[in-house]
Amino acid sequence: MENFRKVRTSEEEMPLPFPDLPPDVVEMKVKEGSKIRNLMNFAMAQMEVKGRRQIVFSGCGRAVTKTITCVEIMKRKLGGLHQVTKVRYKTVLEVWENQDPPPNGPAQNLTVHKNVPSICILLSRDPLDPNQTGYQPPEPRREAGEDTLGSSTKGLKRPLPPPCEELLPKKLQVEVSDSPRGTGTTAGQLDH
């Protein structure tokens, strides 16, 4: 394969796996090189400014992770969205051209058919059938400034326990005096 270079890639076009979608539903086709900021600006404008009720994110291969990231950002920003996720395989066709063709022959091409994982995620403001495979209900509303553990979003998610002196090695235990200078005396040994 060192003498071949990829000259063309094409994806198999597949219909969306969701029945009863409105004909004008927005499909966000996420690619490996897509910028999340650009995708989210467009998608948020569709849902907030244009008042769309549903949006579909789809991606395959290396774009699957980016697709899921976009969905999670949208769910967090808008809240109250119902979700249905469908995972399937998509056929990708790659055409490779021989860079070192035989002297008296035509350039040789190699065609590779790959089955790559693909994901389609439907987000809807309207309730969806909870019995269908891949359904996720909206997350419960959270109070402003509260994360999933119920603590403030500033700082740590969980407070650290107070330090226990018995957990510290004897050589590191230090006793601090109450003098205004703040000089302390060592309780443990400081041998080196």
C-alpha atoms as a PDB file:
ATOM      1  CA  MET A   1       0.000   0.000   0.000  1.00  0.00           C
ATOM      2  CA  GLU A   2       3.009   2.353   0.197  1.00  0.00           C
ATOM      3  CA  ASN A   3       2.710   3.018  -3.568  1.00  0.00           C
ATOM      4  CA  PHE A   4      -0.972   3.941  -3.332  1.00  0.00           C
ATOM      5  CA  ARG A   5      -2.602   7.196  -2.278  1.00  0.00           C
ATOM      6  CA  LYS A   6      -6.249   7.828  -1.470  1.00  0.00           C
ATOM      7  CA  VAL A   7      -7.857   9.930  -4.213  1.00  0.00           C
ATOM      8  CA  ARG A   8     -11.550   9.796  -3.298  1.00  0.00           C
ATOM      9  CA  THR A   9     -13.828   8.850  -0.414  1.00  0.00           C
ATOM     10  CA  SER A  10     -17.596   8.640  -0.603  1.00  0.00           C
ATOM     11  CA  GLU A  11     -20.203   7.631   1.959  1.00  0.00           C
ATOM     12  CA  GLU A  12     -23.268   5.567   1.244  1.00  0.00           C
ATOM     13  CA  GLU A  13     -26.333   7.784   1.541  1.00  0.00           C
ATOM     14  CA  MET A  14     -28.832   6.282   3.967  1.00  0.00           C
ATOM     15  CA  PRO A  15     -32.247   7.580   5.015  1.00  0.00           C
ATOM     16  CA  LEU A  16     -32.581   8.752   8.602  1.00  0.00           C
ATOM     17  CA  PRO A  17     -33.641   5.875  10.888  1.00  0.00           C
ATOM     18  CA  PHE A  18     -36.484   7.848  12.510  1.00  0.00           C
ATOM     19  CA  PRO A  19     -40.043   7.402  11.215  1.00  0.00           C
ATOM     20  CA  ASP A  20     -42.491  10.305  11.086  1.00  0.00           C
ATOM     21  CA  LEU A  21     -39.930  13.108  10.914  1.00  0.00           C
ATOM     22  CA  PRO A  22     -41.180  16.377   9.433  1.00  0.00           C
ATOM     23  CA  PRO A  23     -39.839  16.932   5.905  1.00  0.00           C
ATOM     24  CA  ASP A  24     -38.003  20.117   6.930  1.00  0.00           C
ATOM     25  CA  VAL A  25     -36.131  18.586   9.906  1.00  0.00           C
ATOM     26  CA  VAL A  26     -32.576  19.905  10.183  1.00  0.00           C
ATOM     27  CA  GLU A  27     -29.873  17.227   9.880  1.00  0.00           C
ATOM     28  CA  MET A  28     -26.474  18.199  11.222  1.00  0.00           C
ATOM     29  CA  LYS A  29     -23.968  16.010   9.339  1.00  0.00           C
ATOM     30  CA  VAL A  30     -20.894  16.008  11.553  1.00  0.00           C
ATOM     31  CA  LYS A  31     -17.581  15.292   9.823  1.00  0.00           C
ATOM     32  CA  GLU A  32     -14.186  14.494  11.317  1.00  0.00           C
ATOM     33  CA  GLY A  33     -12.904  17.999  10.488  1.00  0.00           C
ATOM     34  CA  SER A  34     -16.052  19.892  11.552  1.00  0.00           C
ATOM     35  CA  LYS A  35     -15.608  22.637  14.126  1.00  0.00           C
ATOM     36  CA  ILE A  36     -17.880  22.124  17.128  1.00  0.00           C
ATOM     37  CA  ARG A  37     -18.316  25.893  17.536  1.00  0.00           C
ATOM     38  CA  ASN A  38     -19.649  26.249  13.973  1.00  0.00           C
ATOM     39  CA  LEU A  39     -21.962  23.251  14.317  1.00  0.00           C
ATOM     40  CA  MET A  40     -23.366  24.494  17.620  1.00  0.00           C
ATOM     41  CA  ASN A  41     -23.883  28.076  16.422  1.00  0.00           C
ATOM     42  CA  PHE A  42     -25.971  26.842  13.487  1.00  0.00           C
ATOM     43  CA  ALA A  43     -27.876  24.206  15.488  1.00  0.00           C
ATOM     44  CA  MET A  44     -28.677  26.583  18.356  1.00  0.00           C
ATOM     45  CA  ALA A  45     -29.907  29.222  15.888  1.00  0.00           C
ATOM     46  CA  GLN A  46     -32.222  26.637  14.321  1.00  0.00           C
ATOM     47  CA  MET A  47     -33.686  25.592  17.666  1.00  0.00           C
ATOM     48  CA  GLU A  48     -33.870  28.993  19.389  1.00  0.00           C
ATOM     49  CA  VAL A  49     -34.286  31.609  16.670  1.00  0.00           C
ATOM     50  CA  LYS A  50     -36.197  29.620  14.059  1.00  0.00           C
ATOM     51  CA  GLY A  51     -38.172  27.686  16.686  1.00  0.00           C
ATOM     52  CA  ARG A  52     -37.518  24.197  15.324  1.00  0.00           C
ATOM     53  CA  ARG A  53     -38.986  21.403  17.432  1.00  0.00           C
ATOM     54  CA  GLN A  54     -36.556  18.651  16.339  1.00  0.00           C
ATOM     55  CA  ILE A  55     -32.980  18.329  15.094  1.00  0.00           C
ATOM     56  CA  VAL A  56     -30.896  15.309  14.055  1.00  0.00           C
ATOM     57  CA  PHE A  57     -27.135  14.943  14.513  1.00  0.00           C
ATOM     58  CA  SER A  58     -25.384  12.255  12.466  1.00  0.00           C
ATOM     59  CA  GLY A  59     -21.774  11.200  12.046  1.00  0.00           C
ATOM     60  CA  CYS A  60     -19.737   8.140  11.142  1.00  0.00           C
ATOM     61  CA  GLY A  61     -16.278   6.768  11.789  1.00  0.00           C
ATOM     62  CA  ARG A  62     -14.038   9.212  13.621  1.00  0.00           C
ATOM     63  CA  ALA A  63     -16.835  11.800  13.749  1.00  0.00           C
ATOM     64  CA  VAL A  64     -18.984   9.712  16.136  1.00  0.00           C
ATOM     65  CA  THR A  65     -17.352  11.201  19.248  1.00  0.00           C
ATOM     66  CA  LYS A  66     -17.757  14.753  17.953  1.00  0.00           C
ATOM     67  CA  THR A  67     -21.416  14.025  17.143  1.00  0.00           C
ATOM     68  CA  ILE A  68     -22.078  12.891  20.720  1.00  0.00           C
ATOM     69  CA  THR A  69     -20.258  15.953  22.077  1.00  0.00           C
ATOM     70  CA  CYS A  70     -22.510  18.284  20.051  1.00  0.00           C
ATOM     71  CA  VAL A  71     -25.630  16.516  21.333  1.00  0.00           C
ATOM     72  CA  GLU A  72     -24.517  16.743  24.958  1.00  0.00           C
ATOM     73  CA  ILE A  73     -23.732  20.462  24.597  1.00  0.00           C
ATOM     74  CA  MET A  74     -27.156  21.125  23.084  1.00  0.00           C
ATOM     75  CA  LYS A  75     -28.944  19.124  25.802  1.00  0.00           C
ATOM     76  CA  ARG A  76     -27.120  21.085  28.493  1.00  0.00           C
ATOM     77  CA  LYS A  77     -27.760  24.498  26.893  1.00  0.00           C
ATOM     78  CA  LEU A  78     -31.423  23.993  25.997  1.00  0.00           C
ATOM     79  CA  GLY A  79     -32.573  21.459  28.600  1.00  0.00           C
ATOM     80  CA  GLY A  80     -35.777  19.429  28.446  1.00  0.00           C
ATOM     81  CA  LEU A  81     -34.901  17.630  25.199  1.00  0.00           C
ATOM     82  CA  HIS A  82     -36.043  14.086  24.499  1.00  0.00           C
ATOM     83  CA  GLN A  83     -33.443  11.931  22.729  1.00  0.00           C
ATOM     84  CA  VAL A  84     -33.445   8.823  20.545  1.00  0.00           C
ATOM     85  CA  THR A  85     -30.104   7.310  19.522  1.00  0.00           C
ATOM     86  CA  LYS A  86     -29.631   4.841  16.669  1.00  0.00           C
ATOM     87  CA  VAL A  87     -26.315   3.122  16.005  1.00  0.00           C
ATOM     88  CA  ARG A  88     -25.671   1.335  12.731  1.00  0.00           C
ATOM     89  CA  TYR A  89     -22.982   0.673  10.139  1.00  0.00           C
ATOM     90  CA  LYS A  90     -22.431   2.722   7.017  1.00  0.00           C
ATOM     91  CA  THR A  91     -20.465   1.676   3.930  1.00  0.00           C
ATOM     92  CA  VAL A  92     -17.643   4.022   2.965  1.00  0.00           C
ATOM     93  CA  LEU A  93     -16.052   3.644  -0.467  1.00  0.00           C
ATOM     94  CA  GLU A  94     -12.362   4.583  -0.812  1.00  0.00           C
ATOM     95  CA  VAL A  95     -10.556   4.790  -4.150  1.00  0.00           C
ATOM     96  CA  TRP A  96      -6.770   4.432  -4.043  1.00  0.00           C
ATOM     97  CA  GLU A  97      -4.529   5.208  -7.027  1.00  0.00           C
ATOM     98  CA  ASN A  98      -1.204   3.459  -7.715  1.00  0.00           C
ATOM     99  CA  GLN A  99       1.579   6.051  -7.674  1.00  0.00           C
ATOM    100  CA  ASP A 100       4.027   3.656  -9.353  1.00  0.00           C
ATOM    101  CA  PRO A 101       2.065   2.108 -12.274  1.00  0.00           C
ATOM    102  CA  PRO A 102       3.599  -0.597 -14.509  1.00  0.00           C
ATOM    103  CA  PRO A 103       5.586   0.906 -17.441  1.00  0.00           C
ATOM    104  CA  ASN A 104       3.309  -0.179 -20.302  1.00  0.00           C
ATOM    105  CA  GLY A 105      -0.017  -0.332 -18.505  1.00  0.00           C
ATOM    106  CA  PRO A 106      -2.721   2.051 -17.313  1.00  0.00           C
ATOM    107  CA  ALA A 107      -2.736   3.475 -13.801  1.00  0.00           C
ATOM    108  CA  GLN A 108      -4.205   0.949 -11.402  1.00  0.00           C
ATOM    109  CA  ASN A 109      -6.901   1.890  -8.962  1.00  0.00           C
ATOM    110  CA  LEU A 110      -7.880  -0.033  -5.878  1.00  0.00           C
ATOM    111  CA  THR A 111     -11.406   0.264  -4.451  1.00  0.00           C
ATOM    112  CA  VAL A 112     -11.950  -0.473  -0.770  1.00  0.00           C
ATOM    113  CA  HIS A 113     -15.381  -0.889   0.851  1.00  0.00           C
ATOM    114  CA  LYS A 114     -15.319  -0.217   4.600  1.00  0.00           C
ATOM    115  CA  ASN A 115     -18.105  -0.722   7.090  1.00  0.00           C
ATOM    116  CA  VAL A 116     -17.737   2.007   9.707  1.00  0.00           C
ATOM    117  CA  PRO A 117     -19.868   2.681  12.777  1.00  0.00           C
ATOM    118  CA  SER A 118     -22.423   5.447  12.377  1.00  0.00           C
ATOM    119  CA  ILE A 119     -24.662   7.242  14.846  1.00  0.00           C
ATOM    120  CA  CYS A 120     -27.863   9.249  14.396  1.00  0.00           C
ATOM    121  CA  ILE A 121     -29.313  11.146  17.348  1.00  0.00           C
ATOM    122  CA  LEU A 122     -32.718  12.815  17.297  1.00  0.00           C
ATOM    123  CA  LEU A 123     -33.309  15.628  19.796  1.00  0.00           C
ATOM    124  CA  SER A 124     -36.889  16.810  20.255  1.00  0.00           C
ATOM    125  CA  ARG A 125     -38.665  19.416  22.345  1.00  0.00           C
ATOM    126  CA  ASP A 126     -41.828  17.329  21.959  1.00  0.00           C
ATOM    127  CA  PRO A 127     -42.233  14.011  23.815  1.00  0.00           C
ATOM    128  CA  LEU A 128     -41.134  10.914  21.892  1.00  0.00           C
ATOM    129  CA  ASP A 129     -42.213   7.286  22.298  1.00  0.00           C
ATOM    130  CA  PRO A 130     -40.388   6.091  25.440  1.00  0.00           C
ATOM    131  CA  ASN A 131     -40.741   2.438  24.333  1.00  0.00           C
ATOM    132  CA  GLN A 132     -38.533   2.769  21.269  1.00  0.00           C
ATOM    133  CA  THR A 133     -34.988   1.491  21.407  1.00  0.00           C
ATOM    134  CA  GLY A 134     -32.435   4.184  22.210  1.00  0.00           C
ATOM    135  CA  TYR A 135     -34.852   6.572  23.956  1.00  0.00           C
ATOM    136  CA  GLN A 136     -33.539   8.852  26.730  1.00  0.00           C
ATOM    137  CA  PRO A 137     -35.889  11.134  28.666  1.00  0.00           C
ATOM    138  CA  PRO A 138     -34.916  14.734  29.371  1.00  0.00           C
ATOM    139  CA  GLU A 139     -32.604  15.260  32.317  1.00  0.00           C
ATOM    140  CA  PRO A 140     -34.284  16.742  35.374  1.00  0.00           C
ATOM    141  CA  ARG A 141     -33.976  20.504  35.617  1.00  0.00           C
ATOM    142  CA  ARG A 142     -31.155  21.682  37.877  1.00  0.00           C
ATOM    143  CA  GLU A 143     -31.010  24.822  39.923  1.00  0.00           C
ATOM    144  CA  ALA A 144     -28.648  27.517  38.680  1.00  0.00           C
ATOM    145  CA  GLY A 145     -25.132  26.996  40.020  1.00  0.00           C
ATOM    146  CA  GLU A 146     -25.733  23.366  40.932  1.00  0.00           C
ATOM    147  CA  ASP A 147     -23.993  20.386  39.389  1.00  0.00           C
ATOM    148  CA  THR A 148     -25.005  16.724  39.411  1.00  0.00           C
ATOM    149  CA  LEU A 149     -23.670  16.176  42.930  1.00  0.00           C
ATOM    150  CA  GLY A 150     -25.660  19.051  44.385  1.00  0.00           C
ATOM    151  CA  SER A 151     -22.707  21.270  45.291  1.00  0.00           C
ATOM    152  CA  SER A 152     -21.719  24.619  43.887  1.00  0.00           C
ATOM    153  CA  THR A 153     -20.175  24.611  40.413  1.00  0.00           C
ATOM    154  CA  LYS A 154     -17.336  26.748  41.711  1.00  0.00           C
ATOM    155  CA  GLY A 155     -14.429  24.747  43.013  1.00  0.00           C
ATOM    156  CA  LEU A 156     -14.449  21.049  43.651  1.00  0.00           C
ATOM    157  CA  LYS A 157     -17.340  18.728  42.919  1.00  0.00           C
ATOM    158  CA  ARG A 158     -16.913  17.027  46.279  1.00  0.00           C
ATOM    159  CA  PRO A 159     -15.358  18.694  49.326  1.00  0.00           C
ATOM    160  CA  LEU A 160     -12.142  17.112  50.505  1.00  0.00           C
ATOM    161  CA  PRO A 161     -12.222  15.548  53.970  1.00  0.00           C
ATOM    162  CA  PRO A 162     -10.341  17.449  56.683  1.00  0.00           C
ATOM    163  CA  PRO A 163      -6.716  16.333  57.002  1.00  0.00           C
ATOM    164  CA  CYS A 164      -6.102  13.787  59.728  1.00  0.00           C
ATOM    165  CA  GLU A 165      -2.827  14.029  61.590  1.00  0.00           C
ATOM    166  CA  GLU A 166      -2.616  10.275  62.043  1.00  0.00           C
ATOM    167  CA  LEU A 167      -2.469   9.864  58.252  1.00  0.00           C
ATOM    168  CA  LEU A 168       0.622  12.050  57.934  1.00  0.00           C
ATOM    169  CA  PRO A 169       4.056  10.449  58.402  1.00  0.00           C
ATOM    170  CA  LYS A 170       5.715  11.445  61.669  1.00  0.00           C
ATOM    171  CA  LYS A 171       8.507  13.310  59.867  1.00  0.00           C
ATOM    172  CA  LEU A 172       5.993  15.660  58.222  1.00  0.00           C
ATOM    173  CA  GLN A 173       3.895  16.543  61.253  1.00  0.00           C
ATOM    174  CA  VAL A 174       4.498  20.146  62.240  1.00  0.00           C
ATOM    175  CA  GLU A 175       3.266  22.018  65.263  1.00  0.00           C
ATOM    176  CA  VAL A 176       2.526  25.708  64.778  1.00  0.00           C
ATOM    177  CA  SER A 177       2.933  28.089  67.720  1.00  0.00           C
ATOM    178  CA  ASP A 178       0.441  30.780  68.611  1.00  0.00           C
ATOM    179  CA  SER A 179       3.110  33.503  68.583  1.00  0.00           C
ATOM    180  CA  PRO A 180       2.453  36.510  66.348  1.00  0.00           C
ATOM    181  CA  ARG A 181       5.635  35.892  64.364  1.00  0.00           C
ATOM    182  CA  GLY A 182       4.275  32.599  63.106  1.00  0.00           C
ATOM    183  CA  THR A 183       7.417  30.669  63.978  1.00  0.00           C
ATOM    184  CA  GLY A 184       6.765  27.053  64.647  1.00  0.00           C
ATOM    185  CA  THR A 185       8.480  24.171  66.271  1.00  0.00           C
ATOM    186  CA  THR A 186       8.674  20.722  64.843  1.00  0.00           C
ATOM    187  CA  ALA A 187       6.834  17.969  66.589  1.00  0.00           C
ATOM    188  CA  GLY A 188       8.484  15.245  64.587  1.00  0.00           C
ATOM    189  CA  GLN A 189      12.019  14.590  63.558  1.00  0.00           C
ATOM    190  CA  LEU A 190      13.446  16.349  60.562  1.00  0.00           C
ATOM    191  CA  ASP A 191      16.397  14.068  59.930  1.00  0.00           C
ATOM    192  CA  HIS A 192      17.579  13.885  56.399  1.00  0.00           C
END
